[in-house]
Amino acid sequence: MFRSAPRHRRFALIAQLVAVVLAIGAAVTVVAEERHEPSDRLTADEAAAPLVAGPPSASPSSSPSARVAASPSAPPLLRMPGAVPSAGSGRFDHDDRSGPVLGRAGELRRYRVAVESGSNEDAAAFAQAVQVALTGPGSWVDSGRLRLQQVPGDAPRDFTVYLATARTAGRMCAAGGVDIRVDGRPYTSCRAPGQVIVNLDRWRLSVPHYVSARVPLSVYRTYVVNHEVGHQLGHHHERCPGAGRPAPVMMQQTLFLNGCRANPWPYVDGRRYAGPAL
């Protein structure tokens, strides 16, 4: 009787130690699973990635537009909130700064940047977005035969990039021989002689098929600048080269993708990327 009592206590102590070890092991397992769980989930940008093409040789850190489009900490901005002014004053405020020369060689073409008064947009901010689009990597200057530079509003220039309300854009494009209406309303952007005209509606709201595919607004903005500047440089509309492939920048991505993936760049992997002529 006196010997069995200590043995019973030893068995109880061993059982308690085993229970403690098992509990610690279970807690470690739960913590490990919680640490690995995020790696099995796609972020909003990763989920959208198959729908957005870009220059594979460019890392996200090398391009400001890529940094905006691929933020790992927040879902992509698809469109700007709030109402968009449908009409402005018809007068334009110019960004009076000079920009760096973009591109390493070739003909230098100078451009200025202007924003319609009453559009509630800042000329300097718009100029910066235009510069990002035209810098690349992947922009027109990657040809090695072209350089671009922003100049002040009163300086000699080859063309002007305008940000205009829908009504003003419609009027300016019509004067240049381009009808940008869809269902009777000014919808797209355009190029008129010496004028790259970006529709404020598209700049702030993107387009429905981009939004539904969760393509970031920054990608659309880069596309529309490179598309219309491409017209200014003499390029014409192109078609989707095949389902699942990147859309050529000269494809009318504002209207459709036709099975292609959104792509804002004319150069991919350092080579001109184009589709069949429209």
Protein backbone atom coordinates (compact mmCIF):
# COMPACT_ATOMS: atom_id res chain seq x y z
CA MET A 1 0.00 0.00 0.00
CA PHE A 2 2.73 2.47 0.93
CA ARG A 3 4.80 1.58 -2.25
CA SER A 4 1.85 1.84 -4.67
CA ALA A 5 1.02 5.45 -3.77
CA PRO A 6 4.31 6.95 -5.03
CA ARG A 7 4.02 4.85 -8.25
CA HIS A 8 0.53 6.22 -8.81
CA ARG A 9 1.79 9.78 -8.38
CA ARG A 10 4.63 9.12 -10.84
CA PHE A 11 2.16 7.84 -13.46
CA ALA A 12 -0.01 10.91 -12.92
CA LEU A 13 2.98 13.22 -13.29
CA ILE A 14 4.07 11.46 -16.52
CA ALA A 15 0.54 11.77 -17.91
CA GLN A 16 0.51 15.48 -17.12
CA LEU A 17 3.89 15.99 -18.83
CA VAL A 18 2.69 14.14 -21.94
CA ALA A 19 -0.43 16.31 -22.06
CA VAL A 20 1.66 19.46 -21.81
CA VAL A 21 4.00 18.32 -24.61
CA LEU A 22 1.04 17.47 -26.85
CA ALA A 23 -0.54 20.86 -26.19
CA ILE A 24 2.68 22.68 -27.03
CA GLY A 25 3.03 20.64 -30.23
CA ALA A 26 -0.52 21.52 -31.28
CA ALA A 27 0.07 25.22 -30.64
CA VAL A 28 3.27 25.16 -32.71
CA THR A 29 1.40 23.43 -35.54
CA VAL A 30 -1.35 26.08 -35.50
CA VAL A 31 1.18 28.93 -35.54
CA ALA A 32 3.07 27.30 -38.43
CA GLU A 33 -0.14 26.90 -40.45
CA GLU A 34 -1.08 30.52 -39.82
CA ARG A 35 2.33 31.68 -41.01
CA HIS A 36 2.08 29.67 -44.25
CA GLU A 37 -1.56 30.42 -44.96
CA PRO A 38 -0.97 33.80 -46.71
CA SER A 39 1.39 32.18 -49.24
CA ASP A 40 -1.54 30.08 -50.49
CA ARG A 41 -3.67 33.15 -51.19
CA LEU A 42 -3.54 35.41 -54.22
CA THR A 43 -3.50 39.12 -53.66
CA ALA A 44 -5.86 41.19 -55.76
CA ASP A 45 -2.97 42.17 -58.04
CA GLU A 46 -1.74 38.58 -58.36
CA ALA A 47 -5.23 37.44 -59.28
CA ALA A 48 -5.36 40.11 -62.00
CA ALA A 49 -1.84 39.41 -63.26
CA PRO A 50 -2.84 36.93 -66.03
CA LEU A 51 -5.04 39.67 -67.52
CA VAL A 52 -2.28 42.28 -67.59
CA ALA A 53 0.73 41.93 -69.84
CA GLY A 54 3.94 43.87 -69.39
CA PRO A 55 7.58 43.82 -70.40
CA PRO A 56 8.89 40.58 -68.81
CA SER A 57 12.39 42.03 -68.61
CA ALA A 58 11.24 44.93 -66.42
CA SER A 59 11.18 44.44 -62.66
CA PRO A 60 8.43 46.18 -60.66
CA SER A 61 11.01 48.43 -59.03
CA SER A 62 12.32 49.68 -62.37
CA SER A 63 9.12 51.40 -63.46
CA PRO A 64 7.05 53.88 -61.43
CA SER A 65 3.90 52.74 -63.22
CA ALA A 66 4.69 49.13 -62.38
CA ARG A 67 5.19 50.06 -58.74
CA VAL A 68 1.73 51.63 -58.69
CA ALA A 69 0.16 48.68 -60.46
CA ALA A 70 1.76 45.99 -58.32
CA SER A 71 1.47 47.23 -54.75
CA PRO A 72 1.43 44.15 -52.49
CA SER A 73 -0.18 45.94 -49.56
CA ALA A 74 -3.44 47.18 -51.09
CA PRO A 75 -5.87 46.23 -53.84
CA PRO A 76 -5.31 48.04 -57.13
CA LEU A 77 -7.03 51.34 -57.77
CA LEU A 78 -9.38 50.58 -60.66
CA ARG A 79 -11.06 53.96 -61.07
CA MET A 80 -11.13 57.29 -59.28
CA PRO A 81 -14.03 57.94 -56.90
CA GLY A 82 -16.36 60.90 -57.22
CA ALA A 83 -18.07 62.70 -60.05
CA VAL A 84 -16.12 63.63 -63.18
CA PRO A 85 -16.72 67.08 -64.67
CA SER A 86 -18.29 66.60 -68.10
CA ALA A 87 -17.36 70.11 -69.27
CA GLY A 88 -14.71 72.67 -68.43
CA SER A 89 -13.82 76.19 -69.41
CA GLY A 90 -12.21 75.28 -72.72
CA ARG A 91 -9.03 76.99 -71.54
CA PHE A 92 -5.89 75.06 -70.63
CA ASP A 93 -3.25 75.44 -67.94
CA HIS A 94 0.22 74.29 -68.97
CA ASP A 95 2.85 72.64 -66.85
CA ASP A 96 5.70 75.10 -67.27
CA ARG A 97 8.51 72.77 -66.25
CA SER A 98 11.13 71.25 -68.51
CA GLY A 99 11.56 67.51 -68.26
CA PRO A 100 14.51 65.19 -68.80
CA VAL A 101 15.32 63.84 -72.23
CA LEU A 102 13.74 60.39 -72.47
CA GLY A 103 15.56 57.85 -74.60
CA ARG A 104 19.20 57.25 -75.40
CA ALA A 105 19.43 58.12 -79.10
CA GLY A 106 17.55 59.30 -82.14
CA GLU A 107 15.43 62.25 -83.18
CA LEU A 108 14.37 64.54 -80.34
CA ARG A 109 10.70 65.44 -80.29
CA ARG A 110 9.49 67.95 -77.78
CA TYR A 111 6.05 67.99 -76.21
CA ARG A 112 4.19 70.18 -73.74
CA VAL A 113 1.46 69.19 -71.29
CA ALA A 114 -1.83 71.01 -70.66
CA VAL A 115 -4.87 70.40 -68.44
CA GLU A 116 -8.26 71.99 -68.98
CA SER A 117 -9.29 74.57 -66.40
CA GLY A 118 -12.32 73.28 -64.52
CA SER A 119 -11.34 69.62 -64.83
CA ASN A 120 -10.18 69.50 -61.19
CA GLU A 121 -6.90 67.98 -62.33
CA ASP A 122 -3.39 69.25 -61.63
CA ALA A 123 -1.18 69.97 -64.63
CA ALA A 124 2.03 68.95 -62.84
CA ALA A 125 0.55 65.62 -61.72
CA PHE A 126 -0.72 64.89 -65.23
CA ALA A 127 2.68 65.78 -66.68
CA GLN A 128 4.35 63.36 -64.28
CA ALA A 129 2.00 60.53 -65.32
CA VAL A 130 2.70 61.28 -68.98
CA GLN A 131 6.43 61.21 -68.31
CA VAL A 132 6.15 57.84 -66.55
CA ALA A 133 4.29 56.39 -69.54
CA LEU A 134 6.80 57.74 -72.04
CA THR A 135 9.84 56.70 -69.99
CA GLY A 136 9.08 52.98 -69.78
CA PRO A 137 10.76 50.54 -69.82
CA GLY A 138 8.64 49.52 -72.79
CA SER A 139 7.78 52.96 -74.19
CA TRP A 140 8.36 54.33 -77.70
CA VAL A 141 11.82 55.59 -76.80
CA ASP A 142 12.99 51.98 -76.42
CA SER A 143 13.40 51.91 -80.21
CA GLY A 144 16.72 53.70 -79.81
CA ARG A 145 15.71 55.98 -82.66
CA LEU A 146 13.55 58.44 -80.71
CA ARG A 147 13.93 60.78 -77.79
CA LEU A 148 11.17 62.75 -76.10
CA GLN A 149 11.27 65.76 -73.80
CA GLN A 150 8.65 67.85 -72.07
CA VAL A 151 9.06 71.60 -72.57
CA PRO A 152 7.28 74.59 -70.98
CA GLY A 153 3.98 75.78 -72.41
CA ASP A 154 5.40 78.67 -74.42
CA ALA A 155 8.40 76.77 -75.84
CA PRO A 156 8.64 75.41 -79.40
CA ARG A 157 7.20 71.90 -79.51
CA ASP A 158 6.23 69.10 -81.85
CA PHE A 159 2.96 68.24 -80.10
CA THR A 160 0.92 68.89 -76.97
CA VAL A 161 -0.63 66.31 -74.65
CA TYR A 162 -4.00 67.61 -73.44
CA LEU A 163 -6.21 66.36 -70.61
CA ALA A 164 -9.71 67.60 -71.48
CA THR A 165 -13.23 67.07 -70.22
CA ALA A 166 -15.41 64.85 -72.40
CA ARG A 167 -17.24 67.73 -74.04
CA THR A 168 -14.06 69.64 -74.86
CA ALA A 169 -12.28 66.47 -76.00
CA GLY A 170 -15.19 65.71 -78.31
CA ARG A 171 -15.03 69.18 -79.81
CA MET A 172 -11.23 69.15 -80.22
CA CYS A 173 -11.18 65.68 -81.76
CA ALA A 174 -14.02 66.55 -84.15
CA ALA A 175 -12.07 69.61 -85.28
CA GLY A 176 -9.20 67.25 -86.09
CA GLY A 177 -11.47 64.92 -88.06
CA VAL A 178 -11.95 62.25 -85.38
CA ASP A 179 -15.32 61.21 -83.95
CA ILE A 180 -14.82 59.85 -80.42
CA ARG A 181 -18.50 59.33 -79.62
CA VAL A 182 -19.98 56.06 -78.43
CA ASP A 183 -23.77 55.99 -78.15
CA GLY A 184 -23.77 59.69 -78.94
CA ARG A 185 -21.41 60.74 -76.14
CA PRO A 186 -17.68 61.60 -76.33
CA TYR A 187 -16.06 58.42 -75.04
CA THR A 188 -12.58 57.69 -76.33
CA SER A 189 -9.44 59.81 -76.57
CA CYS A 190 -7.82 60.79 -79.85
CA ARG A 191 -4.96 62.30 -81.74
CA ALA A 192 -5.46 65.37 -83.91
CA PRO A 193 -2.62 67.07 -85.82
CA GLY A 194 -0.09 68.14 -83.20
CA GLN A 195 -2.50 67.25 -80.40
CA VAL A 196 -2.71 64.19 -78.17
CA ILE A 197 -6.12 64.56 -76.50
CA VAL A 198 -6.89 62.42 -73.44
CA ASN A 199 -10.54 62.27 -72.36
CA LEU A 200 -10.92 63.07 -68.66
CA ASP A 201 -13.67 60.45 -68.30
CA ARG A 202 -11.27 57.71 -69.36
CA TRP A 203 -8.40 59.15 -67.33
CA ARG A 204 -10.44 58.96 -64.15
CA LEU A 205 -12.75 56.01 -64.79
CA SER A 206 -10.80 53.67 -67.11
CA VAL A 207 -13.16 51.40 -69.10
CA PRO A 208 -15.61 48.69 -67.96
CA HIS A 209 -13.70 45.68 -69.31
CA TYR A 210 -10.50 46.85 -67.60
CA VAL A 211 -12.36 47.42 -64.34
CA SER A 212 -14.15 44.05 -64.43
CA ALA A 213 -10.80 42.35 -65.09
CA ARG A 214 -9.31 44.30 -62.16
CA VAL A 215 -6.67 45.93 -64.34
CA PRO A 216 -5.22 48.88 -62.36
CA LEU A 217 -6.09 52.39 -63.47
CA SER A 218 -2.37 53.16 -63.74
CA VAL A 219 -2.08 50.52 -66.47
CA TYR A 220 -4.93 52.07 -68.45
CA ARG A 221 -3.42 55.54 -68.11
CA THR A 222 -0.07 54.31 -69.38
CA TYR A 223 -1.84 52.58 -72.27
CA VAL A 224 -3.88 55.61 -73.36
CA VAL A 225 -0.82 57.89 -73.38
CA ASN A 226 1.29 55.45 -75.37
CA HIS A 227 -1.59 54.67 -77.75
CA GLU A 228 -2.35 58.29 -78.64
CA VAL A 229 1.30 59.30 -78.74
CA GLY A 230 1.77 56.31 -81.03
CA HIS A 231 -0.71 57.89 -83.44
CA GLN A 232 1.25 61.14 -83.23
CA LEU A 233 4.37 59.17 -84.18
CA GLY A 234 2.62 57.75 -87.23
CA HIS A 235 1.39 54.35 -86.02
CA HIS A 236 -2.04 52.98 -86.94
CA HIS A 237 -4.53 50.64 -85.27
CA GLU A 238 -3.69 46.96 -84.90
CA ARG A 239 -5.62 43.81 -84.00
CA CYS A 240 -5.25 41.18 -81.28
CA PRO A 241 -2.68 38.61 -82.49
CA GLY A 242 -4.34 35.75 -80.59
CA ALA A 243 -6.36 34.90 -77.51
CA GLY A 244 -4.34 35.11 -74.31
CA ARG A 245 -1.55 37.14 -75.90
CA PRO A 246 -0.72 40.74 -74.92
CA ALA A 247 -2.78 43.33 -76.73
CA PRO A 248 -0.69 45.56 -79.01
CA VAL A 249 -0.58 49.09 -77.66
CA MET A 250 -2.05 50.30 -80.97
CA MET A 251 -5.06 48.03 -80.53
CA GLN A 252 -8.20 49.93 -79.49
CA GLN A 253 -8.11 48.61 -75.95
CA THR A 254 -10.48 51.35 -74.81
CA LEU A 255 -13.21 49.61 -76.82
CA PHE A 256 -12.29 45.93 -76.50
CA LEU A 257 -9.60 43.37 -75.74
CA ASN A 258 -10.97 40.56 -77.98
CA GLY A 259 -9.34 37.85 -75.90
CA CYS A 260 -5.99 39.63 -75.55
CA ARG A 261 -4.48 40.72 -72.24
CA ALA A 262 -4.23 44.39 -71.34
CA ASN A 263 -0.84 45.78 -72.32
CA PRO A 264 0.26 49.43 -72.08
CA TRP A 265 3.63 49.11 -73.82
CA PRO A 266 4.75 49.23 -77.47
CA TYR A 267 7.98 47.38 -76.66
CA VAL A 268 8.19 44.04 -74.84
CA ASP A 269 11.56 42.48 -73.95
CA GLY A 270 13.20 45.35 -75.82
CA ARG A 271 11.45 44.48 -79.10
CA ARG A 272 8.62 46.24 -80.87
CA TYR A 273 5.44 44.31 -80.11
CA ALA A 274 2.74 44.70 -82.75
CA GLY A 275 -0.32 42.93 -84.06
CA PRO A 276 -1.89 42.54 -87.49
CA ALA A 277 -2.96 45.77 -89.13
CA LEU A 278 -6.61 46.68 -88.61
